[in-house]
Amino acid sequence: MVQRYLDELAAAEGDAPADPIVRELLAQAVNRLHVLCAALLHRSYPRLARPPLNLQPEEMLSSVVERLLKAMREVHPRTVRQFFALANQHMRWELNDLARRLDKEAPAVEMRESFIAAPGEPSASQLSVGARRIFEAIEGLPEDEREVFSLVRIQGMPQTEAAQVLGVAVKTVQRRLNRSLVLLSQTLGDLQPAPREQL
């Protein structure tokens, strides 16, 4: 269904306004986009779902759809893979923007909550240096590996379904996933906990 609307969008390029076709496309894809928003939010940005922001997948989906409406006035993905890659990119941008905004407001929030917070309790509103390095390492993966890692490990999509979305074989998904894990372990190997000393 998504591919059919992408084909219509390509056929109408330059002849008619794209907005009606894009709206129909997003309406058809909304359930999948909602699942992806929820998975990305709860797996990679759980702090945004907690106070003070209390972000819900429905709210995130609304912002992502708005972003896609604007983006697809200029960018016309040709395949289902390209469409979901574009959607994933805007989901990450939306969540990163919200995280940065939350970090800027964190001092005021901590002051207001200081009367009820437990003494010495660490703030959940700031990304640790390690977490920032992890996100940067994921963003730095080659495109194919980053796509697979995002779909399978971050959004929780089964490998067979990821293969369908990307239009590749399941073994290709497995190979790209394994390569992404190797590259991340090379980049982030120093973050692994040190082995405990034997007593």
N, C-alpha and C. Protein backbone atom coordinates (compact mmCIF):
# COMPACT_ATOMS: atom_id res chain seq x y z
N MET A 1 0.83 -1.20 0.00
CA MET A 1 0.00 0.00 0.00
C MET A 1 0.87 1.26 0.00
N VAL A 2 1.90 1.26 0.86
CA VAL A 2 2.82 2.41 0.90
C VAL A 2 3.49 2.60 -0.44
N GLN A 3 3.95 1.49 -1.04
CA GLN A 3 4.63 1.59 -2.33
C GLN A 3 3.70 2.14 -3.41
N ARG A 4 2.40 1.78 -3.34
CA ARG A 4 1.46 2.28 -4.34
C ARG A 4 1.35 3.80 -4.28
N TYR A 5 1.29 4.36 -3.06
CA TYR A 5 1.22 5.81 -2.93
C TYR A 5 2.54 6.48 -3.33
N LEU A 6 3.65 5.82 -3.05
CA LEU A 6 4.95 6.36 -3.48
C LEU A 6 5.02 6.41 -5.00
N ASP A 7 4.47 5.38 -5.66
CA ASP A 7 4.45 5.37 -7.13
C ASP A 7 3.56 6.49 -7.65
N GLU A 8 2.40 6.71 -7.00
CA GLU A 8 1.52 7.81 -7.40
C GLU A 8 2.21 9.15 -7.23
N LEU A 9 2.94 9.28 -6.14
CA LEU A 9 3.66 10.52 -5.88
C LEU A 9 4.71 10.78 -6.95
N ALA A 10 5.42 9.73 -7.35
CA ALA A 10 6.44 9.86 -8.39
C ALA A 10 5.79 10.21 -9.73
N ALA A 11 4.64 9.59 -10.04
CA ALA A 11 3.96 9.84 -11.31
C ALA A 11 3.40 11.26 -11.39
N ALA A 12 2.98 11.80 -10.24
CA ALA A 12 2.36 13.13 -10.22
C ALA A 12 3.38 14.24 -10.07
N GLU A 13 4.65 13.89 -9.94
CA GLU A 13 5.67 14.90 -9.66
C GLU A 13 5.70 15.96 -10.77
N GLY A 14 5.54 17.20 -10.35
CA GLY A 14 5.58 18.31 -11.30
C GLY A 14 4.25 18.61 -11.96
N ASP A 15 3.29 17.68 -11.87
CA ASP A 15 1.99 17.89 -12.53
C ASP A 15 0.90 18.35 -11.59
N ALA A 16 0.97 17.96 -10.33
CA ALA A 16 -0.10 18.28 -9.38
C ALA A 16 0.50 18.46 -7.99
N PRO A 17 -0.21 19.17 -7.11
CA PRO A 17 0.29 19.31 -5.74
C PRO A 17 0.46 17.95 -5.08
N ALA A 18 1.55 17.77 -4.35
CA ALA A 18 1.85 16.46 -3.75
C ALA A 18 1.12 16.25 -2.43
N ASP A 19 0.70 17.33 -1.77
CA ASP A 19 0.15 17.21 -0.42
C ASP A 19 -0.97 16.19 -0.28
N PRO A 20 -1.98 16.15 -1.17
CA PRO A 20 -3.06 15.16 -0.99
C PRO A 20 -2.54 13.72 -1.02
N ILE A 21 -1.61 13.43 -1.91
CA ILE A 21 -1.07 12.08 -2.00
C ILE A 21 -0.25 11.75 -0.75
N VAL A 22 0.54 12.72 -0.29
CA VAL A 22 1.36 12.51 0.91
C VAL A 22 0.47 12.28 2.12
N ARG A 23 -0.63 13.03 2.22
CA ARG A 23 -1.55 12.83 3.35
C ARG A 23 -2.17 11.44 3.32
N GLU A 24 -2.55 10.97 2.14
CA GLU A 24 -3.10 9.62 2.02
C GLU A 24 -2.05 8.58 2.38
N LEU A 25 -0.83 8.81 1.93
CA LEU A 25 0.26 7.89 2.24
C LEU A 25 0.48 7.79 3.75
N LEU A 26 0.53 8.94 4.42
CA LEU A 26 0.75 8.95 5.87
C LEU A 26 -0.43 8.33 6.61
N ALA A 27 -1.64 8.53 6.09
CA ALA A 27 -2.82 7.92 6.72
C ALA A 27 -2.72 6.40 6.66
N GLN A 28 -2.23 5.88 5.54
CA GLN A 28 -2.09 4.42 5.40
C GLN A 28 -0.98 3.88 6.28
N ALA A 29 0.07 4.67 6.48
CA ALA A 29 1.25 4.20 7.23
C ALA A 29 1.18 4.55 8.71
N VAL A 30 0.10 5.19 9.15
CA VAL A 30 0.08 5.76 10.50
C VAL A 30 0.22 4.69 11.59
N ASN A 31 -0.35 3.52 11.39
CA ASN A 31 -0.24 2.49 12.43
C ASN A 31 1.20 2.03 12.60
N ARG A 32 1.90 1.80 11.48
CA ARG A 32 3.30 1.41 11.56
C ARG A 32 4.14 2.53 12.15
N LEU A 33 3.86 3.77 11.77
CA LEU A 33 4.61 4.91 12.32
C LEU A 33 4.39 5.02 13.82
N HIS A 34 3.16 4.75 14.27
CA HIS A 34 2.86 4.81 15.70
C HIS A 34 3.66 3.76 16.45
N VAL A 35 3.73 2.54 15.92
CA VAL A 35 4.51 1.48 16.55
C VAL A 35 5.99 1.86 16.62
N LEU A 36 6.51 2.42 15.54
CA LEU A 36 7.92 2.81 15.51
C LEU A 36 8.20 3.94 16.50
N CYS A 37 7.28 4.91 16.58
CA CYS A 37 7.44 6.02 17.55
C CYS A 37 7.48 5.47 18.98
N ALA A 38 6.54 4.59 19.30
CA ALA A 38 6.48 4.05 20.65
C ALA A 38 7.73 3.25 20.99
N ALA A 39 8.19 2.44 20.03
CA ALA A 39 9.38 1.61 20.28
C ALA A 39 10.61 2.48 20.48
N LEU A 40 10.80 3.48 19.62
CA LEU A 40 11.97 4.35 19.73
C LEU A 40 11.94 5.17 21.01
N LEU A 41 10.77 5.69 21.35
CA LEU A 41 10.63 6.49 22.57
C LEU A 41 10.97 5.68 23.81
N HIS A 42 10.37 4.51 23.96
CA HIS A 42 10.52 3.74 25.20
C HIS A 42 11.85 3.00 25.28
N ARG A 43 12.43 2.65 24.13
CA ARG A 43 13.70 1.93 24.17
C ARG A 43 14.90 2.86 24.29
N SER A 44 14.88 3.98 23.56
CA SER A 44 16.07 4.82 23.49
C SER A 44 15.95 6.16 24.23
N TYR A 45 14.73 6.62 24.47
CA TYR A 45 14.53 7.92 25.13
C TYR A 45 13.51 7.79 26.27
N PRO A 46 13.64 6.80 27.15
CA PRO A 46 12.61 6.59 28.18
C PRO A 46 12.44 7.79 29.10
N ARG A 47 13.49 8.58 29.29
CA ARG A 47 13.39 9.73 30.20
C ARG A 47 12.38 10.76 29.69
N LEU A 48 12.17 10.80 28.35
CA LEU A 48 11.20 11.75 27.81
C LEU A 48 9.76 11.32 28.11
N ALA A 49 9.57 10.03 28.40
CA ALA A 49 8.23 9.54 28.73
C ALA A 49 7.92 9.70 30.21
N ARG A 50 8.93 10.14 30.99
CA ARG A 50 8.73 10.35 32.43
C ARG A 50 8.56 11.83 32.72
N PRO A 51 8.12 12.20 33.93
CA PRO A 51 8.03 13.61 34.29
C PRO A 51 9.41 14.26 34.15
N PRO A 52 9.48 15.54 33.81
CA PRO A 52 8.34 16.46 33.68
C PRO A 52 7.69 16.47 32.30
N LEU A 53 8.29 15.79 31.30
CA LEU A 53 7.77 15.90 29.94
C LEU A 53 6.57 14.98 29.71
N ASN A 54 6.66 13.72 30.20
CA ASN A 54 5.56 12.75 30.04
C ASN A 54 5.12 12.61 28.58
N LEU A 55 6.09 12.51 27.68
CA LEU A 55 5.77 12.41 26.25
C LEU A 55 5.07 11.09 25.95
N GLN A 56 4.00 11.15 25.18
CA GLN A 56 3.27 9.97 24.76
C GLN A 56 3.54 9.70 23.27
N PRO A 57 3.51 8.42 22.85
CA PRO A 57 3.76 8.11 21.43
C PRO A 57 2.82 8.86 20.50
N GLU A 58 1.56 9.09 20.93
CA GLU A 58 0.59 9.79 20.08
C GLU A 58 1.04 11.23 19.83
N GLU A 59 1.59 11.88 20.88
CA GLU A 59 2.07 13.25 20.72
C GLU A 59 3.27 13.29 19.79
N MET A 60 4.16 12.33 19.97
CA MET A 60 5.35 12.25 19.12
C MET A 60 4.94 11.98 17.68
N LEU A 61 3.98 11.09 17.49
CA LEU A 61 3.52 10.76 16.14
C LEU A 61 2.98 12.00 15.44
N SER A 62 2.23 12.81 16.15
CA SER A 62 1.68 14.03 15.56
C SER A 62 2.79 14.94 15.04
N SER A 63 3.85 15.11 15.84
CA SER A 63 4.96 15.96 15.43
C SER A 63 5.73 15.36 14.26
N VAL A 64 5.89 14.03 14.28
CA VAL A 64 6.61 13.36 13.19
C VAL A 64 5.84 13.47 11.88
N VAL A 65 4.52 13.29 11.94
CA VAL A 65 3.69 13.42 10.73
C VAL A 65 3.80 14.84 10.18
N GLU A 66 3.79 15.83 11.05
CA GLU A 66 3.94 17.22 10.62
C GLU A 66 5.29 17.43 9.95
N ARG A 67 6.34 16.85 10.53
CA ARG A 67 7.68 16.95 9.94
C ARG A 67 7.70 16.30 8.55
N LEU A 68 7.08 15.12 8.45
CA LEU A 68 7.09 14.40 7.17
C LEU A 68 6.30 15.15 6.10
N LEU A 69 5.19 15.77 6.49
CA LEU A 69 4.42 16.56 5.53
C LEU A 69 5.28 17.66 4.92
N LYS A 70 6.06 18.32 5.77
CA LYS A 70 6.93 19.39 5.28
C LYS A 70 8.07 18.83 4.45
N ALA A 71 8.70 17.77 4.96
CA ALA A 71 9.87 17.21 4.28
C ALA A 71 9.52 16.67 2.90
N MET A 72 8.35 16.02 2.78
CA MET A 72 8.00 15.36 1.53
C MET A 72 7.47 16.32 0.47
N ARG A 73 7.44 17.61 0.79
CA ARG A 73 7.19 18.59 -0.26
C ARG A 73 8.42 18.74 -1.15
N GLU A 74 9.58 18.39 -0.59
CA GLU A 74 10.83 18.51 -1.36
C GLU A 74 11.47 17.15 -1.62
N VAL A 75 11.35 16.23 -0.66
CA VAL A 75 11.97 14.91 -0.79
C VAL A 75 10.89 13.89 -1.09
N HIS A 76 11.04 13.15 -2.19
CA HIS A 76 10.06 12.14 -2.57
C HIS A 76 10.73 10.77 -2.59
N PRO A 77 10.61 10.03 -1.48
CA PRO A 77 11.18 8.68 -1.47
C PRO A 77 10.52 7.81 -2.53
N ARG A 78 11.34 6.94 -3.14
CA ARG A 78 10.84 6.10 -4.24
C ARG A 78 10.44 4.70 -3.76
N THR A 79 10.98 4.28 -2.63
CA THR A 79 10.71 2.92 -2.16
C THR A 79 10.23 2.95 -0.71
N VAL A 80 9.65 1.83 -0.28
CA VAL A 80 9.21 1.72 1.11
C VAL A 80 10.40 1.89 2.05
N ARG A 81 11.53 1.33 1.67
CA ARG A 81 12.74 1.46 2.48
C ARG A 81 13.13 2.92 2.66
N GLN A 82 13.12 3.68 1.57
CA GLN A 82 13.48 5.10 1.66
C GLN A 82 12.47 5.87 2.50
N PHE A 83 11.19 5.51 2.37
CA PHE A 83 10.16 6.20 3.14
C PHE A 83 10.37 6.00 4.64
N PHE A 84 10.58 4.74 5.06
CA PHE A 84 10.75 4.49 6.49
C PHE A 84 12.10 5.00 7.00
N ALA A 85 13.10 5.05 6.13
CA ALA A 85 14.38 5.66 6.52
C ALA A 85 14.18 7.15 6.80
N LEU A 86 13.39 7.81 5.94
CA LEU A 86 13.07 9.23 6.16
C LEU A 86 12.29 9.42 7.45
N ALA A 87 11.30 8.53 7.68
CA ALA A 87 10.51 8.62 8.91
C ALA A 87 11.38 8.41 10.14
N ASN A 88 12.26 7.41 10.10
CA ASN A 88 13.16 7.15 11.24
C ASN A 88 14.05 8.36 11.53
N GLN A 89 14.53 8.97 10.46
CA GLN A 89 15.39 10.14 10.63
C GLN A 89 14.64 11.27 11.34
N HIS A 90 13.41 11.51 10.95
CA HIS A 90 12.64 12.60 11.57
C HIS A 90 12.20 12.23 12.99
N MET A 91 11.99 10.95 13.26
CA MET A 91 11.71 10.54 14.64
C MET A 91 12.90 10.84 15.54
N ARG A 92 14.09 10.48 15.07
CA ARG A 92 15.29 10.76 15.87
C ARG A 92 15.49 12.26 16.06
N TRP A 93 15.27 13.03 14.99
CA TRP A 93 15.43 14.49 15.12
C TRP A 93 14.43 15.07 16.11
N GLU A 94 13.19 14.61 16.06
CA GLU A 94 12.16 15.09 16.98
C GLU A 94 12.55 14.79 18.43
N LEU A 95 12.98 13.55 18.69
CA LEU A 95 13.34 13.16 20.05
C LEU A 95 14.60 13.87 20.51
N ASN A 96 15.57 14.03 19.62
CA ASN A 96 16.78 14.76 20.00
C ASN A 96 16.48 16.22 20.33
N ASP A 97 15.58 16.84 19.55
CA ASP A 97 15.18 18.23 19.83
C ASP A 97 14.52 18.32 21.20
N LEU A 98 13.62 17.39 21.50
CA LEU A 98 12.95 17.39 22.80
C LEU A 98 13.93 17.16 23.93
N ALA A 99 14.90 16.26 23.72
CA ALA A 99 15.90 15.98 24.75
C ALA A 99 16.76 17.21 25.02
N ARG A 100 17.16 17.91 23.95
CA ARG A 100 17.97 19.13 24.14
C ARG A 100 17.17 20.19 24.88
N ARG A 101 15.88 20.34 24.52
CA ARG A 101 15.04 21.32 25.20
C ARG A 101 14.88 20.97 26.68
N LEU A 102 14.71 19.70 26.95
CA LEU A 102 14.56 19.26 28.34
C LEU A 102 15.84 19.51 29.12
N ASP A 103 16.99 19.27 28.50
CA ASP A 103 18.27 19.50 29.17
C ASP A 103 18.46 20.98 29.52
N LYS A 104 18.01 21.86 28.62
CA LYS A 104 18.14 23.30 28.88
C LYS A 104 17.25 23.73 30.04
N GLU A 105 16.08 23.09 30.17
CA GLU A 105 15.15 23.46 31.23
C GLU A 105 15.42 22.72 32.54
N ALA A 106 16.35 21.77 32.51
CA ALA A 106 16.59 20.90 33.67
C ALA A 106 16.89 21.66 34.96
N PRO A 107 17.75 22.72 34.96
CA PRO A 107 18.03 23.39 36.23
C PRO A 107 16.78 23.92 36.92
N ALA A 108 15.87 24.55 36.15
CA ALA A 108 14.65 25.08 36.76
C ALA A 108 13.78 23.96 37.29
N VAL A 109 13.70 22.86 36.55
CA VAL A 109 12.88 21.73 36.99
C VAL A 109 13.43 21.15 38.27
N GLU A 110 14.76 21.02 38.36
CA GLU A 110 15.37 20.45 39.55
C GLU A 110 15.14 21.34 40.76
N MET A 111 15.14 22.66 40.55
CA MET A 111 14.89 23.57 41.67
C MET A 111 13.48 23.38 42.20
N ARG A 112 12.50 23.26 41.30
CA ARG A 112 11.11 23.12 41.73
C ARG A 112 10.87 21.79 42.42
N GLU A 113 11.60 20.74 41.99
CA GLU A 113 11.38 19.41 42.55
C GLU A 113 12.29 19.12 43.74
N SER A 114 13.14 20.07 44.08
CA SER A 114 14.13 19.79 45.13
C SER A 114 13.48 19.55 46.49
N PHE A 115 12.25 20.06 46.67
CA PHE A 115 11.59 19.89 47.97
C PHE A 115 11.08 18.47 48.18
N ILE A 116 10.87 17.73 47.09
CA ILE A 116 10.33 16.39 47.24
C ILE A 116 11.29 15.30 46.77
N ALA A 117 12.36 15.68 46.10
CA ALA A 117 13.30 14.68 45.61
C ALA A 117 14.10 14.11 46.76
N ALA A 118 14.44 12.84 46.63
CA ALA A 118 15.26 12.20 47.66
C ALA A 118 16.66 12.80 47.65
N PRO A 119 17.28 13.00 48.83
CA PRO A 119 18.62 13.58 48.87
C PRO A 119 19.61 12.74 48.09
N GLY A 120 20.40 13.43 47.28
CA GLY A 120 21.45 12.74 46.54
C GLY A 120 20.95 11.94 45.36
N GLU A 121 19.65 12.03 45.03
CA GLU A 121 19.12 11.26 43.91
C GLU A 121 19.60 11.88 42.61
N PRO A 122 20.22 11.10 41.70
CA PRO A 122 20.73 11.66 40.46
C PRO A 122 19.59 12.10 39.55
N SER A 123 19.81 13.14 38.78
CA SER A 123 18.79 13.63 37.86
C SER A 123 18.71 12.72 36.65
N ALA A 124 17.47 12.39 36.24
CA ALA A 124 17.26 11.56 35.06
C ALA A 124 17.13 12.40 33.80
N SER A 125 17.23 13.74 33.96
CA SER A 125 16.95 14.59 32.81
C SER A 125 18.18 14.87 31.96
N GLN A 126 19.37 14.48 32.42
CA GLN A 126 20.58 14.75 31.68
C GLN A 126 21.13 13.48 31.05
N LEU A 127 21.55 13.58 29.80
CA LEU A 127 22.22 12.45 29.17
C LEU A 127 23.64 12.36 29.70
N SER A 128 24.06 11.18 30.09
CA SER A 128 25.43 11.00 30.55
C SER A 128 26.37 11.10 29.35
N VAL A 129 27.64 11.29 29.65
CA VAL A 129 28.65 11.35 28.59
C VAL A 129 28.65 10.04 27.81
N GLY A 130 28.51 8.92 28.53
CA GLY A 130 28.48 7.62 27.87
C GLY A 130 27.30 7.48 26.93
N ALA A 131 26.13 7.95 27.39
CA ALA A 131 24.93 7.85 26.55
C ALA A 131 25.08 8.69 25.29
N ARG A 132 25.65 9.88 25.46
CA ARG A 132 25.87 10.73 24.28
C ARG A 132 26.81 10.05 23.29
N ARG A 133 27.85 9.41 23.80
CA ARG A 133 28.79 8.71 22.93
C ARG A 133 28.10 7.57 22.19
N ILE A 134 27.20 6.87 22.88
CA ILE A 134 26.49 5.76 22.24
C ILE A 134 25.62 6.26 21.10
N PHE A 135 24.86 7.35 21.35
CA PHE A 135 24.00 7.89 20.30
C PHE A 135 24.83 8.39 19.12
N GLU A 136 25.96 9.03 19.41
CA GLU A 136 26.83 9.52 18.34
C GLU A 136 27.41 8.36 17.54
N ALA A 137 27.77 7.27 18.24
CA ALA A 137 28.32 6.10 17.55
C ALA A 137 27.28 5.48 16.63
N ILE A 138 26.03 5.40 17.10
CA ILE A 138 24.96 4.84 16.25
C ILE A 138 24.75 5.72 15.03
N GLU A 139 24.72 7.04 15.24
CA GLU A 139 24.54 7.96 14.11
C GLU A 139 25.70 7.86 13.13
N GLY A 140 26.88 7.48 13.63
CA GLY A 140 28.07 7.40 12.79
C GLY A 140 28.21 6.10 12.03
N LEU A 141 27.31 5.15 12.23
CA LEU A 141 27.36 3.89 11.49
C LEU A 141 27.10 4.13 10.01
N PRO A 142 27.65 3.29 9.13
CA PRO A 142 27.27 3.38 7.71
C PRO A 142 25.76 3.26 7.57
N GLU A 143 25.21 3.86 6.52
CA GLU A 143 23.75 3.97 6.40
C GLU A 143 23.04 2.62 6.50
N ASP A 144 23.53 1.61 5.76
CA ASP A 144 22.86 0.31 5.77
C ASP A 144 22.84 -0.30 7.16
N GLU A 145 23.99 -0.25 7.84
CA GLU A 145 24.08 -0.83 9.18
C GLU A 145 23.25 -0.04 10.18
N ARG A 146 23.25 1.30 10.05
CA ARG A 146 22.46 2.14 10.97
C ARG A 146 20.97 1.85 10.82
N GLU A 147 20.52 1.67 9.57
CA GLU A 147 19.12 1.37 9.30
C GLU A 147 18.69 0.09 10.00
N VAL A 148 19.50 -0.96 9.80
CA VAL A 148 19.15 -2.26 10.39
C VAL A 148 19.21 -2.19 11.90
N PHE A 149 20.25 -1.57 12.46
CA PHE A 149 20.39 -1.47 13.91
C PHE A 149 19.20 -0.72 14.50
N SER A 150 18.78 0.37 13.84
CA SER A 150 17.65 1.16 14.33
C SER A 150 16.35 0.35 14.32
N LEU A 151 16.12 -0.36 13.22
CA LEU A 151 14.87 -1.12 13.11
C LEU A 151 14.83 -2.29 14.09
N VAL A 152 15.93 -3.04 14.18
CA VAL A 152 15.93 -4.28 14.96
C VAL A 152 16.22 -4.05 16.43
N ARG A 153 17.30 -3.32 16.74
CA ARG A 153 17.72 -3.18 18.13
C ARG A 153 17.05 -2.03 18.86
N ILE A 154 16.74 -0.94 18.16
CA ILE A 154 16.14 0.22 18.84
C ILE A 154 14.62 0.14 18.80
N GLN A 155 14.07 -0.21 17.63
CA GLN A 155 12.61 -0.19 17.50
C GLN A 155 11.99 -1.57 17.71
N GLY A 156 12.82 -2.59 17.89
CA GLY A 156 12.30 -3.90 18.24
C GLY A 156 11.60 -4.64 17.12
N MET A 157 11.88 -4.29 15.88
CA MET A 157 11.23 -4.96 14.75
C MET A 157 11.88 -6.33 14.51
N PRO A 158 11.09 -7.37 14.29
CA PRO A 158 11.67 -8.68 13.97
C PRO A 158 12.52 -8.59 12.70
N GLN A 159 13.56 -9.42 12.63
CA GLN A 159 14.46 -9.36 11.49
C GLN A 159 13.73 -9.66 10.17
N THR A 160 12.76 -10.58 10.21
CA THR A 160 12.01 -10.89 8.98
C THR A 160 11.23 -9.67 8.49
N GLU A 161 10.63 -8.91 9.42
CA GLU A 161 9.87 -7.73 9.04
C GLU A 161 10.80 -6.62 8.57
N ALA A 162 11.95 -6.47 9.24
CA ALA A 162 12.94 -5.48 8.80
C ALA A 162 13.40 -5.78 7.39
N ALA A 163 13.58 -7.05 7.08
CA ALA A 163 14.00 -7.44 5.74
C ALA A 163 12.95 -7.03 4.70
N GLN A 164 11.67 -7.17 5.04
CA GLN A 164 10.59 -6.77 4.12
C GLN A 164 10.59 -5.26 3.92
N VAL A 165 10.74 -4.52 5.01
CA VAL A 165 10.75 -3.05 4.91
C VAL A 165 11.91 -2.57 4.05
N LEU A 166 13.07 -3.21 4.22
CA LEU A 166 14.27 -2.78 3.51
C LEU A 166 14.39 -3.40 2.12
N GLY A 167 13.57 -4.41 1.84
CA GLY A 167 13.63 -5.05 0.54
C GLY A 167 14.87 -5.90 0.33
N VAL A 168 15.35 -6.53 1.40
CA VAL A 168 16.55 -7.37 1.31
C VAL A 168 16.25 -8.72 1.96
N ALA A 169 17.19 -9.65 1.82
CA ALA A 169 17.03 -10.97 2.43
C ALA A 169 17.27 -10.89 3.93
N VAL A 170 16.68 -11.83 4.68
CA VAL A 170 16.87 -11.87 6.13
C VAL A 170 18.35 -12.03 6.47
N LYS A 171 19.08 -12.82 5.68
CA LYS A 171 20.50 -13.01 5.94
C LYS A 171 21.28 -11.71 5.77
N THR A 172 20.82 -10.86 4.85
CA THR A 172 21.45 -9.54 4.68
C THR A 172 21.23 -8.69 5.93
N VAL A 173 20.01 -8.76 6.47
CA VAL A 173 19.71 -8.03 7.72
C VAL A 173 20.62 -8.54 8.83
N GLN A 174 20.75 -9.84 8.95
CA GLN A 174 21.60 -10.42 10.00
C GLN A 174 23.06 -9.99 9.83
N ARG A 175 23.53 -10.00 8.58
CA ARG A 175 24.91 -9.61 8.32
C ARG A 175 25.15 -8.14 8.68
N ARG A 176 24.21 -7.26 8.30
CA ARG A 176 24.36 -5.83 8.60
C ARG A 176 24.26 -5.57 10.10
N LEU A 177 23.36 -6.32 10.76
CA LEU A 177 23.22 -6.17 12.20
C LEU A 177 24.52 -6.58 12.91
N ASN A 178 25.07 -7.72 12.50
CA ASN A 178 26.33 -8.19 13.10
C ASN A 178 27.46 -7.18 12.87
N ARG A 179 27.50 -6.63 11.65
CA ARG A 179 28.56 -5.64 11.36
C ARG A 179 28.36 -4.39 12.21
N SER A 180 27.12 -3.96 12.39
CA SER A 180 26.87 -2.77 13.22
C SER A 180 27.33 -3.01 14.65
N LEU A 181 27.08 -4.22 15.16
CA LEU A 181 27.49 -4.54 16.53
C LEU A 181 29.00 -4.56 16.66
N VAL A 182 29.68 -5.09 15.64
CA VAL A 182 31.15 -5.11 15.65
C VAL A 182 31.69 -3.68 15.65
N LEU A 183 31.13 -2.82 14.77
CA LEU A 183 31.60 -1.44 14.68
C LEU A 183 31.34 -0.69 15.98
N LEU A 184 30.18 -0.90 16.59
CA LEU A 184 29.88 -0.23 17.85
C LEU A 184 30.78 -0.72 18.97
N SER A 185 31.08 -2.01 18.99
CA SER A 185 31.96 -2.53 20.04
C SER A 185 33.37 -1.98 19.89
N GLN A 186 33.80 -1.75 18.63
CA GLN A 186 35.13 -1.16 18.41
C GLN A 186 35.17 0.29 18.88
N THR A 187 34.08 1.01 18.62
CA THR A 187 34.03 2.44 18.98
C THR A 187 33.81 2.64 20.47
N LEU A 188 33.01 1.76 21.07
CA LEU A 188 32.58 1.97 22.46
C LEU A 188 33.14 0.92 23.42
N GLY A 189 34.19 0.21 22.98
CA GLY A 189 34.73 -0.86 23.80
C GLY A 189 35.17 -0.43 25.18
N ASP A 190 35.61 0.83 25.32
CA ASP A 190 36.08 1.31 26.62
C ASP A 190 34.94 1.55 27.60
N LEU A 191 33.67 1.51 27.10
CA LEU A 191 32.54 1.71 28.01
C LEU A 191 32.11 0.43 28.69
N GLN A 192 32.65 -0.70 28.27
CA GLN A 192 32.29 -1.95 28.90
C GLN A 192 32.78 -1.97 30.35
N PRO A 193 31.98 -2.49 31.27
CA PRO A 193 32.41 -2.52 32.67
C PRO A 193 33.65 -3.36 32.85
N ALA A 194 34.53 -2.89 33.70
CA ALA A 194 35.77 -3.62 33.95
C ALA A 194 35.45 -4.93 34.69
N PRO A 195 36.16 -6.02 34.37
CA PRO A 195 35.90 -7.29 35.09
C PRO A 195 36.20 -7.16 36.56
N ARG A 196 35.37 -7.84 37.37
CA ARG A 196 35.56 -7.77 38.82
C ARG A 196 36.84 -8.50 39.23
N GLU A 197 37.50 -7.96 40.21
CA GLU A 197 38.68 -8.64 40.73
C GLU A 197 38.27 -9.88 41.48
N GLN A 198 39.02 -10.94 41.28
CA GLN A 198 38.72 -12.17 41.99
C GLN A 198 39.12 -12.05 43.44
N LEU A 199 38.27 -12.55 44.31
CA LEU A 199 38.54 -12.46 45.75
C LEU A 199 39.49 -13.55 46.15
